[in-house]
Amino acid sequence: MRKHIVAGNWKMNKTFEEAEELIDNLMTTLENTELAPDTLMVVCPPFPYLEMCSEYSEDSYFLPGAQNVSDQESGAYTGEVSAAMLQSLEIAYCIVGHSERRAYYGETDATVAAKVDRLLAHDIHPIVCCGEVLQEREDGRQLEVVERQIREGLFHLSAEQITEVVVAYEPVWAIGTGKTATPAQAQEIHAYIRSLLAKQYGAEMADKISILYGGSCKPSNAREIFAQPDVDGGLIGGAALNAEDFMAIAKAF
């Protein structure tokens, strides 16, 4: 069975002291909470806090994740962080192709594919993001956009490699805009993504891949969203900055 994953993306938030307090609160909350046995929690703080997060995770029930990685192995790339560096910190997961990286830093599907390769070579699970912006949704191109991102970002992988990947669908048009993606809209795209994976790798392989929802998931709507048959968890933004909210989402399974 595929895993249920709740991954918290802190983005560029929290000072060191605030990050330490949040992880402390998360550990305390975890100690007093019983999660479904197939639920994994992943915490993705900013780069400066990864070592702390990795050390804390050794005594808790969450896994450390990164928010980004370089598409280069090593060398003169000032400001970049390599997959080998993440592996040396025992980072388990890493987000790639997030809509903010695509929009603000010009990351392409080819960039995403290269980053996926780097991570897999260092035994780190990529959380590969895809999703359409508002204009693409209004033009009825959401399936076309998602298919391109999945095909160009992932379909160069072998069947063995693809089972190490997590996919995250972001309806970019529903993040911070006041618009809301319904559970049915989320299920439609998640089912479509799984059908693409099944066509490329077979239904059995596709059924092993966790597909997360990344569209403003919060305690009030998590249970309804996670009840959809092809939604296997969430890539959580704002709610991940509060230990109780993040835990409430993880308990939605």
Protein backbone atom coordinates (compact mmCIF):
# COMPACT_ATOMS: atom_id res chain seq x y z
CA MET A 1 0.00 0.00 0.00
CA ARG A 2 1.14 3.53 -0.70
CA LYS A 3 2.04 5.77 2.22
CA HIS A 4 -0.04 8.61 3.61
CA ILE A 5 2.33 11.58 3.83
CA VAL A 6 1.83 14.96 5.45
CA ALA A 7 4.78 17.21 4.56
CA GLY A 8 5.19 20.64 6.12
CA ASN A 9 6.84 23.29 3.93
CA TRP A 10 7.94 26.13 6.18
CA LYS A 11 9.07 28.21 3.19
CA MET A 12 11.17 31.27 4.24
CA ASN A 13 9.81 31.59 7.77
CA LYS A 14 11.07 31.43 11.37
CA THR A 15 14.24 32.59 13.08
CA PHE A 16 16.48 29.93 14.61
CA GLU A 17 14.88 30.34 18.04
CA GLU A 18 11.38 30.20 16.54
CA ALA A 19 12.28 27.12 14.53
CA GLU A 20 13.61 25.38 17.62
CA GLU A 21 10.42 26.23 19.52
CA LEU A 22 8.23 24.93 16.69
CA ILE A 23 10.09 21.62 16.51
CA ASP A 24 9.94 21.30 20.31
CA ASN A 25 6.17 21.88 20.18
CA LEU A 26 5.82 19.41 17.35
CA MET A 27 7.71 16.71 19.26
CA THR A 28 5.61 17.31 22.38
CA THR A 29 2.41 17.12 20.36
CA LEU A 30 3.58 13.94 18.62
CA GLU A 31 4.33 12.27 21.93
CA ASN A 32 0.72 12.77 22.97
CA THR A 33 -0.89 11.89 19.64
CA GLU A 34 -1.61 8.56 18.00
CA LEU A 35 -1.43 8.64 14.23
CA ALA A 36 -2.62 6.05 11.77
CA PRO A 37 0.19 3.49 11.32
CA ASP A 38 0.65 4.25 7.62
CA THR A 39 0.99 8.03 8.10
CA LEU A 40 4.39 9.70 7.67
CA MET A 41 5.12 13.26 8.77
CA VAL A 42 7.85 15.20 6.97
CA VAL A 43 9.19 18.56 8.16
CA CYS A 44 10.85 20.82 5.55
CA PRO A 45 12.43 23.85 7.25
CA PRO A 46 14.74 26.42 5.61
CA PHE A 47 18.28 25.19 4.90
CA PRO A 48 19.92 26.70 8.05
CA TYR A 49 17.72 24.54 10.28
CA LEU A 50 18.10 21.22 8.48
CA GLU A 51 20.78 19.84 10.78
CA MET A 52 18.70 20.69 13.85
CA CYS A 53 15.62 19.15 12.26
CA SER A 54 17.55 16.00 11.36
CA GLU A 55 18.89 15.63 14.90
CA TYR A 56 15.47 16.15 16.46
CA SER A 57 13.85 13.67 14.11
CA GLU A 58 16.04 10.85 15.47
CA ASP A 59 13.99 10.94 18.68
CA SER A 60 10.60 11.58 17.14
CA TYR A 61 8.10 10.36 14.57
CA PHE A 62 8.78 12.80 11.76
CA LEU A 63 11.30 12.72 8.92
CA PRO A 64 13.45 15.68 7.84
CA GLY A 65 12.95 17.17 4.39
CA ALA A 66 14.51 19.98 2.34
CA GLN A 67 12.72 22.63 0.31
CA ASN A 68 15.05 22.59 -2.68
CA VAL A 69 18.28 21.14 -4.09
CA SER A 70 20.79 22.06 -6.79
CA ASP A 71 20.60 20.40 -10.18
CA GLN A 72 24.42 20.18 -10.07
CA GLU A 73 26.45 17.55 -8.22
CA SER A 74 29.08 19.94 -6.79
CA GLY A 75 31.41 22.76 -7.74
CA ALA A 76 31.47 26.54 -8.15
CA TYR A 77 27.76 27.21 -7.64
CA THR A 78 27.65 29.87 -4.95
CA GLY A 79 24.61 29.68 -2.70
CA GLU A 80 23.50 26.24 -3.88
CA VAL A 81 23.01 23.08 -1.80
CA SER A 82 23.76 19.67 -3.30
CA ALA A 83 21.99 16.36 -2.89
CA ALA A 84 25.20 14.94 -1.41
CA MET A 85 25.07 17.62 1.31
CA LEU A 86 21.47 16.71 2.09
CA GLN A 87 22.33 13.02 2.19
CA SER A 88 25.15 13.71 4.66
CA LEU A 89 22.52 15.21 7.00
CA GLU A 90 20.28 12.14 6.54
CA ILE A 91 17.56 14.15 4.84
CA ALA A 92 14.81 11.78 3.71
CA TYR A 93 12.70 13.93 1.36
CA CYS A 94 13.16 17.03 -0.76
CA ILE A 95 10.64 19.27 -2.54
CA VAL A 96 11.41 20.02 -6.19
CA GLY A 97 9.56 22.06 -8.80
CA HIS A 98 7.45 23.99 -6.31
CA SER A 99 5.25 26.57 -8.02
CA GLU A 100 7.18 29.38 -6.31
CA ARG A 101 10.47 28.04 -7.66
CA ARG A 102 8.98 27.85 -11.14
CA ALA A 103 7.43 31.33 -10.95
CA TYR A 104 10.14 33.31 -9.16
CA TYR A 105 13.33 31.50 -10.15
CA GLY A 106 12.54 30.29 -13.65
CA GLU A 107 12.78 26.58 -12.95
CA THR A 108 11.71 24.51 -15.93
CA ASP A 109 10.55 20.92 -16.32
CA ALA A 110 14.10 20.08 -17.43
CA THR A 111 15.47 21.61 -14.22
CA VAL A 112 13.03 19.54 -12.20
CA ALA A 113 14.07 16.36 -14.01
CA ALA A 114 17.75 17.04 -13.28
CA LYS A 115 17.03 17.67 -9.60
CA VAL A 116 15.01 14.46 -9.35
CA ASP A 117 18.00 12.56 -10.76
CA ARG A 118 20.37 14.12 -8.23
CA LEU A 119 18.14 13.25 -5.32
CA LEU A 120 17.54 9.65 -6.38
CA ALA A 121 21.27 9.15 -6.87
CA HIS A 122 21.67 10.06 -3.21
CA ASP A 123 18.78 8.00 -1.86
CA ILE A 124 16.50 10.97 -1.14
CA HIS A 125 12.81 10.85 -2.05
CA PRO A 126 11.83 13.74 -4.35
CA ILE A 127 8.46 15.41 -3.70
CA VAL A 128 7.79 16.60 -7.24
CA CYS A 129 5.30 19.45 -7.57
CA CYS A 130 3.00 20.10 -10.49
CA GLY A 131 -0.06 22.24 -11.06
CA GLU A 132 -1.70 24.97 -13.10
CA VAL A 133 -1.99 28.72 -12.54
CA LEU A 134 -5.30 30.60 -12.69
CA GLN A 135 -5.16 31.51 -16.38
CA GLU A 136 -4.42 27.91 -17.32
CA ARG A 137 -7.37 26.72 -15.21
CA GLU A 138 -9.71 29.32 -16.73
CA ASP A 139 -8.57 28.29 -20.21
CA GLY A 140 -9.38 24.66 -19.41
CA ARG A 141 -5.74 23.64 -19.84
CA GLN A 142 -5.15 22.15 -16.38
CA LEU A 143 -4.83 18.55 -17.60
CA GLU A 144 -2.52 19.57 -20.45
CA VAL A 145 -0.25 21.51 -18.07
CA VAL A 146 -0.08 18.75 -15.46
CA GLU A 147 0.57 16.11 -18.10
CA ARG A 148 3.49 18.11 -19.52
CA GLN A 149 5.03 18.64 -16.09
CA ILE A 150 4.71 14.96 -15.18
CA ARG A 151 5.98 13.73 -18.53
CA GLU A 152 8.96 16.07 -18.75
CA GLY A 153 9.86 15.85 -15.07
CA LEU A 154 9.45 12.13 -14.41
CA PHE A 155 8.99 9.89 -17.42
CA HIS A 156 12.72 9.49 -18.02
CA LEU A 157 12.84 7.40 -14.81
CA SER A 158 12.78 3.62 -14.67
CA ALA A 159 9.90 1.72 -13.06
CA GLU A 160 12.11 1.04 -10.05
CA GLN A 161 13.02 4.71 -9.67
CA ILE A 162 9.48 6.04 -10.00
CA THR A 163 8.34 4.19 -6.87
CA GLU A 164 10.78 6.33 -4.85
CA VAL A 165 9.05 9.53 -6.00
CA VAL A 166 6.20 11.41 -4.34
CA VAL A 167 4.03 13.70 -6.49
CA ALA A 168 2.40 16.84 -5.10
CA TYR A 169 -0.41 18.56 -6.99
CA GLU A 170 -0.63 22.32 -6.40
CA PRO A 171 -3.64 24.17 -7.77
CA VAL A 172 -1.61 27.37 -7.88
CA TRP A 173 -4.74 29.40 -8.53
CA ALA A 174 -6.15 28.37 -5.14
CA ILE A 175 -3.13 29.28 -3.02
CA GLY A 176 -3.39 32.64 -1.26
CA THR A 177 -5.96 33.94 -3.75
CA GLY A 178 -9.17 33.50 -1.82
CA LYS A 179 -10.32 30.93 -4.38
CA THR A 180 -10.85 27.36 -3.23
CA ALA A 181 -10.29 24.05 -4.95
CA THR A 182 -13.03 21.61 -3.98
CA PRO A 183 -12.23 18.04 -2.90
CA ALA A 184 -13.79 16.89 -6.18
CA GLN A 185 -11.44 19.14 -8.18
CA ALA A 186 -8.49 17.79 -6.21
CA GLN A 187 -9.58 14.20 -6.83
CA GLU A 188 -10.03 14.85 -10.55
CA ILE A 189 -6.41 15.94 -11.00
CA HIS A 190 -5.00 13.33 -8.61
CA ALA A 191 -6.82 10.57 -10.50
CA TYR A 192 -5.54 12.00 -13.78
CA ILE A 193 -1.96 12.02 -12.50
CA ARG A 194 -2.29 8.40 -11.41
CA SER A 195 -3.70 7.49 -14.82
CA LEU A 196 -0.66 9.08 -16.48
CA LEU A 197 1.64 7.10 -14.23
CA ALA A 198 -0.33 3.92 -14.93
CA LYS A 199 -0.11 4.44 -18.68
CA GLN A 200 3.67 4.89 -18.46
CA TYR A 201 4.57 2.35 -15.77
CA GLY A 202 1.52 0.11 -15.32
CA ALA A 203 -1.34 0.25 -12.84
CA GLU A 204 0.48 -1.76 -10.18
CA MET A 205 3.39 0.68 -10.09
CA ALA A 206 1.12 3.73 -10.22
CA ASP A 207 -0.81 2.44 -7.22
CA LYS A 208 2.38 2.51 -5.14
CA ILE A 209 3.04 6.23 -5.67
CA SER A 210 1.79 8.72 -3.10
CA ILE A 211 0.15 11.83 -4.56
CA LEU A 212 -0.19 14.77 -2.17
CA TYR A 213 -2.50 17.77 -2.33
CA GLY A 214 -0.84 21.16 -1.99
CA GLY A 215 -3.68 23.67 -2.18
CA SER A 216 -4.23 25.45 1.14
CA CYS A 217 -4.96 22.32 3.13
CA LYS A 218 -5.83 23.10 6.77
CA PRO A 219 -7.44 21.36 9.78
CA SER A 220 -10.93 22.42 8.71
CA ASN A 221 -10.80 20.76 5.28
CA ALA A 222 -8.12 18.06 5.57
CA ARG A 223 -10.43 15.18 6.43
CA GLU A 224 -12.71 15.79 3.44
CA ILE A 225 -9.77 16.22 1.05
CA PHE A 226 -7.91 13.16 2.35
CA ALA A 227 -11.07 11.07 2.01
CA GLN A 228 -10.72 11.26 -1.79
CA PRO A 229 -9.47 7.91 -3.14
CA ASP A 230 -6.42 9.27 -4.98
CA VAL A 231 -5.34 11.87 -2.40
CA ASP A 232 -2.61 10.37 -0.23
CA GLY A 233 -1.75 13.33 1.95
CA GLY A 234 -0.81 16.96 1.79
CA LEU A 235 2.04 19.35 1.13
CA ILE A 236 1.21 21.86 3.82
CA GLY A 237 2.27 25.51 3.84
CA GLY A 238 0.91 27.98 6.40
CA ALA A 239 -0.64 25.38 8.70
CA ALA A 240 2.76 23.68 9.07
CA LEU A 241 4.00 26.72 11.01
CA ASN A 242 1.75 25.78 13.94
CA ALA A 243 2.39 22.44 15.64
CA GLU A 244 -1.24 21.87 16.66
CA ASP A 245 -2.61 22.69 13.21
CA PHE A 246 -0.02 20.52 11.51
CA MET A 247 -0.82 17.63 13.83
CA ALA A 248 -4.54 18.07 13.31
CA ILE A 249 -3.99 17.66 9.57
CA ALA A 250 -1.88 14.53 10.11
CA LYS A 251 -4.67 13.08 12.28
CA ALA A 252 -7.18 13.56 9.45
CA PHE A 253 -6.36 10.03 8.25
